[in-house]
């Protein structure tokens, strides 16, 4: 569903999920996998612990969403690099550099 077609509730839900994921990424960056705590995320957002479970059913569900996002980002970067490489007449090493970047 395109964003323009979403109602206010769906947009709010999407924004809240994005905020939860951003806080989770920050926790992971600061302290690794063991530092990820849904209750701490809920507290930072001003939500009750159980309210957070409306957006992610478990810690594993949140981690899975973060992993999917990372794969989506990597796939998009690869597609952009492949498109850049296909447009130019660059050599193999330059193409590999584009794909790795």
PDB file of N, CA and C in Angstrom:
ATOM      1  N   UNK A   1       0.848  -1.171   0.000  1.00  0.00           N
ATOM      2  CA  UNK A   1       0.000   0.000   0.000  1.00  0.00           C
ATOM      3  C   UNK A   1       0.896   1.236   0.000  1.00  0.00           C
ATOM      4  N   UNK A   2       0.612   2.167  -0.881  1.00  0.00           N
ATOM      5  CA  UNK A   2       1.409   3.382  -0.927  1.00  0.00           C
ATOM      6  C   UNK A   2       1.099   4.253   0.273  1.00  0.00           C
ATOM      7  N   UNK A   3       2.092   5.006   0.670  1.00  0.00           N
ATOM      8  CA  UNK A   3       1.962   5.856   1.851  1.00  0.00           C
ATOM      9  C   UNK A   3       0.799   6.841   1.720  1.00  0.00           C
ATOM     10  N   UNK A   4       0.592   7.393   0.527  1.00  0.00           N
ATOM     11  CA  UNK A   4      -0.476   8.370   0.322  1.00  0.00           C
ATOM     12  C   UNK A   4      -1.849   7.747   0.556  1.00  0.00           C
ATOM     13  N   UNK A   5      -1.966   6.440   0.353  1.00  0.00           N
ATOM     14  CA  UNK A   5      -3.249   5.771   0.514  1.00  0.00           C
ATOM     15  C   UNK A   5      -3.492   5.322   1.950  1.00  0.00           C
ATOM     16  N   UNK A   6      -2.488   5.383   2.790  1.00  0.00           N
ATOM     17  CA  UNK A   6      -2.638   4.934   4.166  1.00  0.00           C
ATOM     18  C   UNK A   6      -3.413   5.965   4.968  1.00  0.00           C
ATOM     19  N   UNK A   7      -4.185   5.455   5.903  1.00  0.00           N
ATOM     20  CA  UNK A   7      -4.877   6.339   6.815  1.00  0.00           C
ATOM     21  C   UNK A   7      -3.959   6.794   7.930  1.00  0.00           C
ATOM     22  N   UNK A   8      -4.449   7.699   8.777  1.00  0.00           N
ATOM     23  CA  UNK A   8      -3.623   8.214   9.870  1.00  0.00           C
ATOM     24  C   UNK A   8      -3.131   7.124  10.824  1.00  0.00           C
ATOM     25  N   UNK A   9      -3.960   6.149  11.106  1.00  0.00           N
ATOM     26  CA  UNK A   9      -3.544   5.071  12.022  1.00  0.00           C
ATOM     27  C   UNK A   9      -2.402   4.254  11.440  1.00  0.00           C
ATOM     28  N   UNK A  10      -2.511   3.938  10.161  1.00  0.00           N
ATOM     29  CA  UNK A  10      -1.455   3.149   9.517  1.00  0.00           C
ATOM     30  C   UNK A  10      -0.152   3.941   9.467  1.00  0.00           C
ATOM     31  N   UNK A  11      -0.237   5.238   9.190  1.00  0.00           N
ATOM     32  CA  UNK A  11       0.971   6.072   9.168  1.00  0.00           C
ATOM     33  C   UNK A  11       1.587   6.156  10.559  1.00  0.00           C
ATOM     34  N   UNK A  12       0.748   6.317  11.588  1.00  0.00           N
ATOM     35  CA  UNK A  12       1.245   6.376  12.966  1.00  0.00           C
ATOM     36  C   UNK A  12       1.916   5.059  13.340  1.00  0.00           C
ATOM     37  N   UNK A  13       1.292   3.958  12.959  1.00  0.00           N
ATOM     38  CA  UNK A  13       1.866   2.639  13.254  1.00  0.00           C
ATOM     39  C   UNK A  13       3.222   2.492  12.564  1.00  0.00           C
ATOM     40  N   UNK A  14       3.306   2.907  11.306  1.00  0.00           N
ATOM     41  CA  UNK A  14       4.560   2.827  10.554  1.00  0.00           C
ATOM     42  C   UNK A  14       5.635   3.702  11.203  1.00  0.00           C
ATOM     43  N   UNK A  15       5.262   4.900  11.612  1.00  0.00           N
ATOM     44  CA  UNK A  15       6.217   5.806  12.268  1.00  0.00           C
ATOM     45  C   UNK A  15       6.690   5.230  13.603  1.00  0.00           C
ATOM     46  N   UNK A  16       5.767   4.661  14.359  1.00  0.00           N
ATOM     47  CA  UNK A  16       6.117   4.079  15.656  1.00  0.00           C
ATOM     48  C   UNK A  16       7.047   2.887  15.474  1.00  0.00           C
ATOM     49  N   UNK A  17       6.740   2.025  14.505  1.00  0.00           N
ATOM     50  CA  UNK A  17       7.626   0.882  14.228  1.00  0.00           C
ATOM     51  C   UNK A  17       9.017   1.366  13.833  1.00  0.00           C
ATOM     52  N   UNK A  18       9.086   2.417  13.019  1.00  0.00           N
ATOM     53  CA  UNK A  18      10.386   2.962  12.601  1.00  0.00           C
ATOM     54  C   UNK A  18      11.150   3.509  13.803  1.00  0.00           C
ATOM     55  N   UNK A  19      10.454   4.188  14.703  1.00  0.00           N
ATOM     56  CA  UNK A  19      11.111   4.725  15.898  1.00  0.00           C
ATOM     57  C   UNK A  19      11.628   3.592  16.791  1.00  0.00           C
ATOM     58  N   UNK A  20      10.829   2.553  16.940  1.00  0.00           N
ATOM     59  CA  UNK A  20      11.255   1.398  17.736  1.00  0.00           C
ATOM     60  C   UNK A  20      12.516   0.788  17.125  1.00  0.00           C
ATOM     61  N   UNK A  21      12.513   0.625  15.805  1.00  0.00           N
ATOM     62  CA  UNK A  21      13.682   0.039  15.140  1.00  0.00           C
ATOM     63  C   UNK A  21      14.909   0.933  15.286  1.00  0.00           C
ATOM     64  N   UNK A  22      14.735   2.236  15.192  1.00  0.00           N
ATOM     65  CA  UNK A  22      15.873   3.149  15.368  1.00  0.00           C
ATOM     66  C   UNK A  22      16.463   3.046  16.770  1.00  0.00           C
ATOM     67  N   UNK A  23      15.596   2.994  17.774  1.00  0.00           N
ATOM     68  CA  UNK A  23      16.085   2.844  19.148  1.00  0.00           C
ATOM     69  C   UNK A  23      16.772   1.492  19.340  1.00  0.00           C
ATOM     70  N   UNK A  24      16.222   0.460  18.728  1.00  0.00           N
ATOM     71  CA  UNK A  24      16.833  -0.869  18.825  1.00  0.00           C
ATOM     72  C   UNK A  24      18.213  -0.871  18.173  1.00  0.00           C
ATOM     73  N   UNK A  25      18.334  -0.234  17.019  1.00  0.00           N
ATOM     74  CA  UNK A  25      19.639  -0.153  16.358  1.00  0.00           C
ATOM     75  C   UNK A  25      20.648   0.591  17.224  1.00  0.00           C
ATOM     76  N   UNK A  26      20.191   1.640  17.880  1.00  0.00           N
ATOM     77  CA  UNK A  26      21.090   2.385  18.766  1.00  0.00           C
ATOM     78  C   UNK A  26      21.559   1.507  19.924  1.00  0.00           C
ATOM     79  N   UNK A  27      20.617   0.770  20.525  1.00  0.00           N
ATOM     80  CA  UNK A  27      20.991  -0.132  21.619  1.00  0.00           C
ATOM     81  C   UNK A  27      21.989  -1.183  21.144  1.00  0.00           C
ATOM     82  N   UNK A  28      21.751  -1.741  19.971  1.00  0.00           N
ATOM     83  CA  UNK A  28      22.662  -2.750  19.434  1.00  0.00           C
ATOM     84  C   UNK A  28      24.045  -2.160  19.175  1.00  0.00           C
ATOM     85  N   UNK A  29      24.082  -0.953  18.653  1.00  0.00           N
ATOM     86  CA  UNK A  29      25.367  -0.300  18.366  1.00  0.00           C
ATOM     87  C   UNK A  29      26.131   0.008  19.647  1.00  0.00           C
ATOM     88  N   UNK A  30      25.397   0.372  20.688  1.00  0.00           N
ATOM     89  CA  UNK A  30      26.045   0.749  21.947  1.00  0.00           C
ATOM     90  C   UNK A  30      26.498  -0.448  22.770  1.00  0.00           C
ATOM     91  N   UNK A  31      25.736  -1.538  22.716  1.00  0.00           N
ATOM     92  CA  UNK A  31      26.063  -2.631  23.629  1.00  0.00           C
ATOM     93  C   UNK A  31      25.982  -4.028  23.070  1.00  0.00           C
ATOM     94  N   UNK A  32      25.775  -4.167  21.771  1.00  0.00           N
ATOM     95  CA  UNK A  32      25.682  -5.496  21.181  1.00  0.00           C
ATOM     96  C   UNK A  32      24.316  -6.134  21.402  1.00  0.00           C
ATOM     97  N   UNK A  33      24.203  -7.379  20.973  1.00  0.00           N
ATOM     98  CA  UNK A  33      22.927  -8.082  21.027  1.00  0.00           C
ATOM     99  C   UNK A  33      22.333  -8.217  22.410  1.00  0.00           C
ATOM    100  N   UNK A  34      23.187  -8.370  23.407  1.00  0.00           N
ATOM    101  CA  UNK A  34      22.697  -8.513  24.771  1.00  0.00           C
ATOM    102  C   UNK A  34      22.097  -7.246  25.339  1.00  0.00           C
ATOM    103  N   UNK A  35      22.386  -6.114  24.717  1.00  0.00           N
ATOM    104  CA  UNK A  35      21.895  -4.831  25.221  1.00  0.00           C
ATOM    105  C   UNK A  35      20.479  -4.509  24.755  1.00  0.00           C
ATOM    106  N   UNK A  36      19.968  -5.267  23.795  1.00  0.00           N
ATOM    107  CA  UNK A  36      18.641  -4.973  23.255  1.00  0.00           C
ATOM    108  C   UNK A  36      17.566  -5.360  24.265  1.00  0.00           C
ATOM    109  N   UNK A  37      16.838  -4.360  24.750  1.00  0.00           N
ATOM    110  CA  UNK A  37      15.794  -4.587  25.756  1.00  0.00           C
ATOM    111  C   UNK A  37      14.526  -3.851  25.346  1.00  0.00           C
ATOM    112  N   UNK A  38      13.468  -4.609  25.079  1.00  0.00           N
ATOM    113  CA  UNK A  38      12.210  -3.997  24.662  1.00  0.00           C
ATOM    114  C   UNK A  38      11.643  -3.084  25.737  1.00  0.00           C
ATOM    115  N   UNK A  39      11.815  -3.457  26.995  1.00  0.00           N
ATOM    116  CA  UNK A  39      11.280  -2.611  28.070  1.00  0.00           C
ATOM    117  C   UNK A  39      11.981  -1.258  28.097  1.00  0.00           C
ATOM    118  N   UNK A  40      13.275  -1.240  27.818  1.00  0.00           N
ATOM    119  CA  UNK A  40      14.008   0.025  27.778  1.00  0.00           C
ATOM    120  C   UNK A  40      13.559   0.878  26.592  1.00  0.00           C
ATOM    121  N   UNK A  41      13.308   0.238  25.458  1.00  0.00           N
ATOM    122  CA  UNK A  41      12.801   0.964  24.291  1.00  0.00           C
ATOM    123  C   UNK A  41      11.443   1.566  24.621  1.00  0.00           C
ATOM    124  N   UNK A  42      10.569   0.765  25.218  1.00  0.00           N
ATOM    125  CA  UNK A  42       9.236   1.257  25.581  1.00  0.00           C
ATOM    126  C   UNK A  42       9.342   2.452  26.513  1.00  0.00           C
ATOM    127  N   UNK A  43      10.213   2.362  27.501  1.00  0.00           N
ATOM    128  CA  UNK A  43      10.382   3.456  28.462  1.00  0.00           C
ATOM    129  C   UNK A  43      10.867   4.724  27.757  1.00  0.00           C
ATOM    130  N   UNK A  44      11.846   4.589  26.852  1.00  0.00           N
ATOM    131  CA  UNK A  44      12.354   5.752  26.121  1.00  0.00           C
ATOM    132  C   UNK A  44      11.275   6.400  25.263  1.00  0.00           C
ATOM    133  N   UNK A  45      10.331   5.602  24.796  1.00  0.00           N
ATOM    134  CA  UNK A  45       9.261   6.123  23.946  1.00  0.00           C
ATOM    135  C   UNK A  45       8.055   6.599  24.741  1.00  0.00           C
ATOM    136  N   UNK A  46       8.072   6.351  26.037  1.00  0.00           N
ATOM    137  CA  UNK A  46       6.925   6.727  26.852  1.00  0.00           C
ATOM    138  C   UNK A  46       5.765   5.762  26.726  1.00  0.00           C
ATOM    139  N   UNK A  47       6.068   4.527  26.358  1.00  0.00           N
ATOM    140  CA  UNK A  47       5.047   3.490  26.230  1.00  0.00           C
ATOM    141  C   UNK A  47       5.162   2.524  27.399  1.00  0.00           C
ATOM    142  N   UNK A  48       4.082   1.813  27.660  1.00  0.00           N
ATOM    143  CA  UNK A  48       4.178   0.718  28.620  1.00  0.00           C
ATOM    144  C   UNK A  48       4.836  -0.456  27.904  1.00  0.00           C
ATOM    145  N   UNK A  49       5.431  -1.350  28.668  1.00  0.00           N
ATOM    146  CA  UNK A  49       6.051  -2.529  28.071  1.00  0.00           C
ATOM    147  C   UNK A  49       5.095  -3.302  27.174  1.00  0.00           C
ATOM    148  N   UNK A  50       3.899  -3.625  27.685  1.00  0.00           N
ATOM    149  CA  UNK A  50       2.957  -4.378  26.856  1.00  0.00           C
ATOM    150  C   UNK A  50       2.524  -3.635  25.587  1.00  0.00           C
ATOM    151  N   UNK A  51       2.501  -2.310  25.616  1.00  0.00           N
ATOM    152  CA  UNK A  51       2.091  -1.548  24.430  1.00  0.00           C
ATOM    153  C   UNK A  51       3.058  -1.774  23.275  1.00  0.00           C
ATOM    154  N   UNK A  52       4.317  -1.967  23.588  1.00  0.00           N
ATOM    155  CA  UNK A  52       5.321  -2.188  22.545  1.00  0.00           C
ATOM    156  C   UNK A  52       5.038  -3.473  21.770  1.00  0.00           C
ATOM    157  N   UNK A  53       4.437  -4.439  22.435  1.00  0.00           N
ATOM    158  CA  UNK A  53       4.168  -5.724  21.796  1.00  0.00           C
ATOM    159  C   UNK A  53       3.061  -5.638  20.746  1.00  0.00           C
ATOM    160  N   UNK A  54       2.400  -4.499  20.649  1.00  0.00           N
ATOM    161  CA  UNK A  54       1.451  -4.294  19.550  1.00  0.00           C
ATOM    162  C   UNK A  54       2.195  -4.099  18.233  1.00  0.00           C
ATOM    163  N   UNK A  55       3.437  -3.672  18.322  1.00  0.00           N
ATOM    164  CA  UNK A  55       4.229  -3.371  17.134  1.00  0.00           C
ATOM    165  C   UNK A  55       5.183  -4.502  16.769  1.00  0.00           C
ATOM    166  N   UNK A  56       5.721  -5.171  17.768  1.00  0.00           N
ATOM    167  CA  UNK A  56       6.597  -6.329  17.572  1.00  0.00           C
ATOM    168  C   UNK A  56       6.221  -7.350  18.633  1.00  0.00           C
ATOM    169  N   UNK A  57       5.957  -8.574  18.204  1.00  0.00           N
ATOM    170  CA  UNK A  57       5.446  -9.580  19.137  1.00  0.00           C
ATOM    171  C   UNK A  57       6.492 -10.083  20.118  1.00  0.00           C
ATOM    172  N   UNK A  58       7.766  -9.886  19.776  1.00  0.00           N
ATOM    173  CA  UNK A  58       8.840 -10.360  20.653  1.00  0.00           C
ATOM    174  C   UNK A  58      10.147  -9.674  20.274  1.00  0.00           C
ATOM    175  N   UNK A  59      11.137  -9.894  21.086  1.00  0.00           N
ATOM    176  CA  UNK A  59      12.488  -9.390  20.795  1.00  0.00           C
ATOM    177  C   UNK A  59      12.984  -9.997  19.485  1.00  0.00           C
ATOM    178  N   UNK A  60      12.719 -11.289  19.289  1.00  0.00           N
ATOM    179  CA  UNK A  60      13.128 -11.960  18.051  1.00  0.00           C
ATOM    180  C   UNK A  60      12.420 -11.374  16.833  1.00  0.00           C
ATOM    181  N   UNK A  61      11.155 -11.014  16.993  1.00  0.00           N
ATOM    182  CA  UNK A  61      10.404 -10.387  15.903  1.00  0.00           C
ATOM    183  C   UNK A  61      11.055  -9.057  15.518  1.00  0.00           C
ATOM    184  N   UNK A  62      11.447  -8.277  16.509  1.00  0.00           N
ATOM    185  CA  UNK A  62      12.122  -7.001  16.254  1.00  0.00           C
ATOM    186  C   UNK A  62      13.470  -7.238  15.574  1.00  0.00           C
ATOM    187  N   UNK A  63      14.247  -8.181  16.077  1.00  0.00           N
ATOM    188  CA  UNK A  63      15.538  -8.495  15.452  1.00  0.00           C
ATOM    189  C   UNK A  63      15.356  -8.967  14.009  1.00  0.00           C
ATOM    190  N   UNK A  64      14.340  -9.768  13.765  1.00  0.00           N
ATOM    191  CA  UNK A  64      14.064 -10.236  12.401  1.00  0.00           C
ATOM    192  C   UNK A  64      13.738  -9.070  11.475  1.00  0.00           C
ATOM    193  N   UNK A  65      12.964  -8.113  11.975  1.00  0.00           N
ATOM    194  CA  UNK A  65      12.635  -6.929  11.171  1.00  0.00           C
ATOM    195  C   UNK A  65      13.894  -6.128  10.855  1.00  0.00           C
ATOM    196  N   UNK A  66      14.784  -6.004  11.826  1.00  0.00           N
ATOM    197  CA  UNK A  66      16.039  -5.276  11.599  1.00  0.00           C
ATOM    198  C   UNK A  66      16.907  -5.995  10.569  1.00  0.00           C
ATOM    199  N   UNK A  67      16.938  -7.306  10.643  1.00  0.00           N
ATOM    200  CA  UNK A  67      17.723  -8.088   9.684  1.00  0.00           C
ATOM    201  C   UNK A  67      17.135  -7.948   8.283  1.00  0.00           C
ATOM    202  N   UNK A  68      15.802  -8.030   8.168  1.00  0.00           N
ATOM    203  CA  UNK A  68      15.164  -7.857   6.857  1.00  0.00           C
ATOM    204  C   UNK A  68      15.480  -6.477   6.285  1.00  0.00           C
ATOM    205  N   UNK A  69      15.404  -5.452   7.130  1.00  0.00           N
ATOM    206  CA  UNK A  69      15.730  -4.096   6.675  1.00  0.00           C
ATOM    207  C   UNK A  69      17.167  -4.017   6.174  1.00  0.00           C
ATOM    208  N   UNK A  70      18.081  -4.653   6.892  1.00  0.00           N
ATOM    209  CA  UNK A  70      19.491  -4.632   6.488  1.00  0.00           C
ATOM    210  C   UNK A  70      19.677  -5.325   5.140  1.00  0.00           C
ATOM    211  N   UNK A  71      19.007  -6.460   4.952  1.00  0.00           N
ATOM    212  CA  UNK A  71      19.094  -7.149   3.665  1.00  0.00           C
ATOM    213  C   UNK A  71      18.474  -6.307   2.553  1.00  0.00           C
ATOM    214  N   UNK A  72      17.345  -5.665   2.833  1.00  0.00           N
ATOM    215  CA  UNK A  72      16.720  -4.790   1.832  1.00  0.00           C
ATOM    216  C   UNK A  72      17.652  -3.648   1.451  1.00  0.00           C
ATOM    217  N   UNK A  73      18.300  -3.046   2.452  1.00  0.00           N
ATOM    218  CA  UNK A  73      19.249  -1.960   2.187  1.00  0.00           C
ATOM    219  C   UNK A  73      20.425  -2.457   1.351  1.00  0.00           C
ATOM    220  N   UNK A  74      20.937  -3.632   1.685  1.00  0.00           N
ATOM    221  CA  UNK A  74      22.066  -4.195   0.935  1.00  0.00           C
ATOM    222  C   UNK A  74      21.660  -4.502  -0.505  1.00  0.00           C
ATOM    223  N   UNK A  75      20.470  -5.057  -0.689  1.00  0.00           N
ATOM    224  CA  UNK A  75      19.994  -5.371  -2.039  1.00  0.00           C
ATOM    225  C   UNK A  75      19.819  -4.099  -2.862  1.00  0.00           C
ATOM    226  N   UNK A  76      19.288  -3.053  -2.244  1.00  0.00           N
ATOM    227  CA  UNK A  76      19.111  -1.784  -2.952  1.00  0.00           C
ATOM    228  C   UNK A  76      20.463  -1.190  -3.336  1.00  0.00           C
ATOM    229  N   UNK A  77      21.433  -1.275  -2.436  1.00  0.00           N
ATOM    230  CA  UNK A  77      22.775  -0.763  -2.735  1.00  0.00           C
ATOM    231  C   UNK A  77      23.407  -1.554  -3.878  1.00  0.00           C
ATOM    232  N   UNK A  78      23.217  -2.864  -3.876  1.00  0.00           N
ATOM    233  CA  UNK A  78      23.757  -3.691  -4.961  1.00  0.00           C
ATOM    234  C   UNK A  78      23.094  -3.339  -6.288  1.00  0.00           C
ATOM    235  N   UNK A  79      21.784  -3.119  -6.267  1.00  0.00           N
ATOM    236  CA  UNK A  79      21.074  -2.762  -7.498  1.00  0.00           C
ATOM    237  C   UNK A  79      21.566  -1.423  -8.037  1.00  0.00           C
ATOM    238  N   UNK A  80      21.778  -0.453  -7.127  1.00  0.00           N
ATOM    239  CA  UNK A  80      22.294   0.851  -7.573  1.00  0.00           C
ATOM    240  C   UNK A  80      23.689   0.707  -8.161  1.00  0.00           C
ATOM    241  N   UNK A  81      24.524  -0.074  -7.505  1.00  0.00           N
ATOM    242  CA  UNK A  81      25.888  -0.276  -7.996  1.00  0.00           C
ATOM    243  C   UNK A  81      25.880  -0.987  -9.346  1.00  0.00           C
ATOM    244  N   UNK A  82      25.021  -1.979  -9.496  1.00  0.00           N
ATOM    245  CA  UNK A  82      24.930  -2.698 -10.765  1.00  0.00           C
ATOM    246  C   UNK A  82      24.450  -1.770 -11.871  1.00  0.00           C
ATOM    247  N   UNK A  83      23.491  -0.895 -11.551  1.00  0.00           N
ATOM    248  CA  UNK A  83      22.990   0.058 -12.549  1.00  0.00           C
ATOM    249  C   UNK A  83      24.087   1.035 -12.955  1.00  0.00           C
ATOM    250  N   UNK A  84      24.853   1.531 -11.980  1.00  0.00           N
ATOM    251  CA  UNK A  84      25.965   2.444 -12.296  1.00  0.00           C
ATOM    252  C   UNK A  84      26.985   1.735 -13.168  1.00  0.00           C
ATOM    253  N   UNK A  85      27.272   0.511 -12.818  1.00  0.00           N
ATOM    254  CA  UNK A  85      28.276  -0.258 -13.542  1.00  0.00           C
ATOM    255  C   UNK A  85      27.817  -0.537 -14.971  1.00  0.00           C
ATOM    256  N   UNK A  86      26.537  -0.834 -15.145  1.00  0.00           N
ATOM    257  CA  UNK A  86      25.999  -1.142 -16.469  1.00  0.00           C
ATOM    258  C   UNK A  86      25.988   0.091 -17.368  1.00  0.00           C
ATOM    259  N   UNK A  87      25.846   1.271 -16.778  1.00  0.00           N
ATOM    260  CA  UNK A  87      25.803   2.510 -17.568  1.00  0.00           C
ATOM    261  C   UNK A  87      27.170   2.873 -18.123  1.00  0.00           C
ATOM    262  N   UNK A  88      28.196   2.542 -17.400  1.00  0.00           N
ATOM    263  CA  UNK A  88      29.539   2.936 -17.822  1.00  0.00           C
ATOM    264  C   UNK A  88      30.270   1.792 -18.487  1.00  0.00           C
ATOM    265  N   UNK A  89      31.409   2.107 -19.008  1.00  0.00           N
ATOM    266  CA  UNK A  89      32.227   1.069 -19.634  1.00  0.00           C
ATOM    267  C   UNK A  89      33.424   0.782 -18.736  1.00  0.00           C
ATOM    268  N   UNK A  90      33.157   0.724 -17.453  1.00  0.00           N
ATOM    269  CA  UNK A  90      34.225   0.535 -16.479  1.00  0.00           C
ATOM    270  C   UNK A  90      34.702  -0.905 -16.483  1.00  0.00           C
ATOM    271  N   UNK A  91      35.919  -1.082 -16.109  1.00  0.00           N
ATOM    272  CA  UNK A  91      36.513  -2.413 -16.062  1.00  0.00           C
ATOM    273  C   UNK A  91      35.988  -3.237 -14.900  1.00  0.00           C
ATOM    274  N   UNK A  92      36.393  -4.485 -14.873  1.00  0.00           N
ATOM    275  CA  UNK A  92      35.927  -5.415 -13.853  1.00  0.00           C
ATOM    276  C   UNK A  92      36.255  -4.990 -12.440  1.00  0.00           C
ATOM    277  N   UNK A  93      37.445  -4.461 -12.212  1.00  0.00           N
ATOM    278  CA  UNK A  93      37.839  -4.041 -10.867  1.00  0.00           C
ATOM    279  C   UNK A  93      36.950  -2.887 -10.388  1.00  0.00           C
ATOM    280  N   UNK A  94      36.665  -1.939 -11.259  1.00  0.00           N
ATOM    281  CA  UNK A  94      35.806  -0.810 -10.892  1.00  0.00           C
ATOM    282  C   UNK A  94      34.394  -1.295 -10.588  1.00  0.00           C
ATOM    283  N   UNK A  95      33.916  -2.262 -11.348  1.00  0.00           N
ATOM    284  CA  UNK A  95      32.580  -2.819 -11.089  1.00  0.00           C
ATOM    285  C   UNK A  95      32.541  -3.493  -9.720  1.00  0.00           C
ATOM    286  N   UNK A  96      33.572  -4.251  -9.418  1.00  0.00           N
ATOM    287  CA  UNK A  96      33.633  -4.897  -8.102  1.00  0.00           C
ATOM    288  C   UNK A  96      33.663  -3.860  -6.991  1.00  0.00           C
ATOM    289  N   UNK A  97      34.397  -2.786  -7.202  1.00  0.00           N
ATOM    290  CA  UNK A  97      34.443  -1.711  -6.206  1.00  0.00           C
ATOM    291  C   UNK A  97      33.050  -1.121  -5.999  1.00  0.00           C
ATOM    292  N   UNK A  98      32.325  -0.872  -7.102  1.00  0.00           N
ATOM    293  CA  UNK A  98      30.959  -0.342  -7.000  1.00  0.00           C
ATOM    294  C   UNK A  98      30.069  -1.293  -6.211  1.00  0.00           C
ATOM    295  N   UNK A  99      30.179  -2.575  -6.490  1.00  0.00           N
ATOM    296  CA  UNK A  99      29.332  -3.552  -5.805  1.00  0.00           C
ATOM    297  C   UNK A  99      29.681  -3.667  -4.330  1.00  0.00           C
ATOM    298  N   UNK A 100      30.948  -3.515  -4.007  1.00  0.00           N
ATOM    299  CA  UNK A 100      31.367  -3.622  -2.610  1.00  0.00           C
ATOM    300  C   UNK A 100      31.037  -2.374  -1.809  1.00  0.00           C
ATOM    301  N   UNK A 101      30.891  -1.253  -2.479  1.00  0.00           N
ATOM    302  CA  UNK A 101      30.628   0.013  -1.777  1.00  0.00           C
ATOM    303  C   UNK A 101      29.241   0.076  -1.352  1.00  0.00           C
TER     304      UNK A 101
END
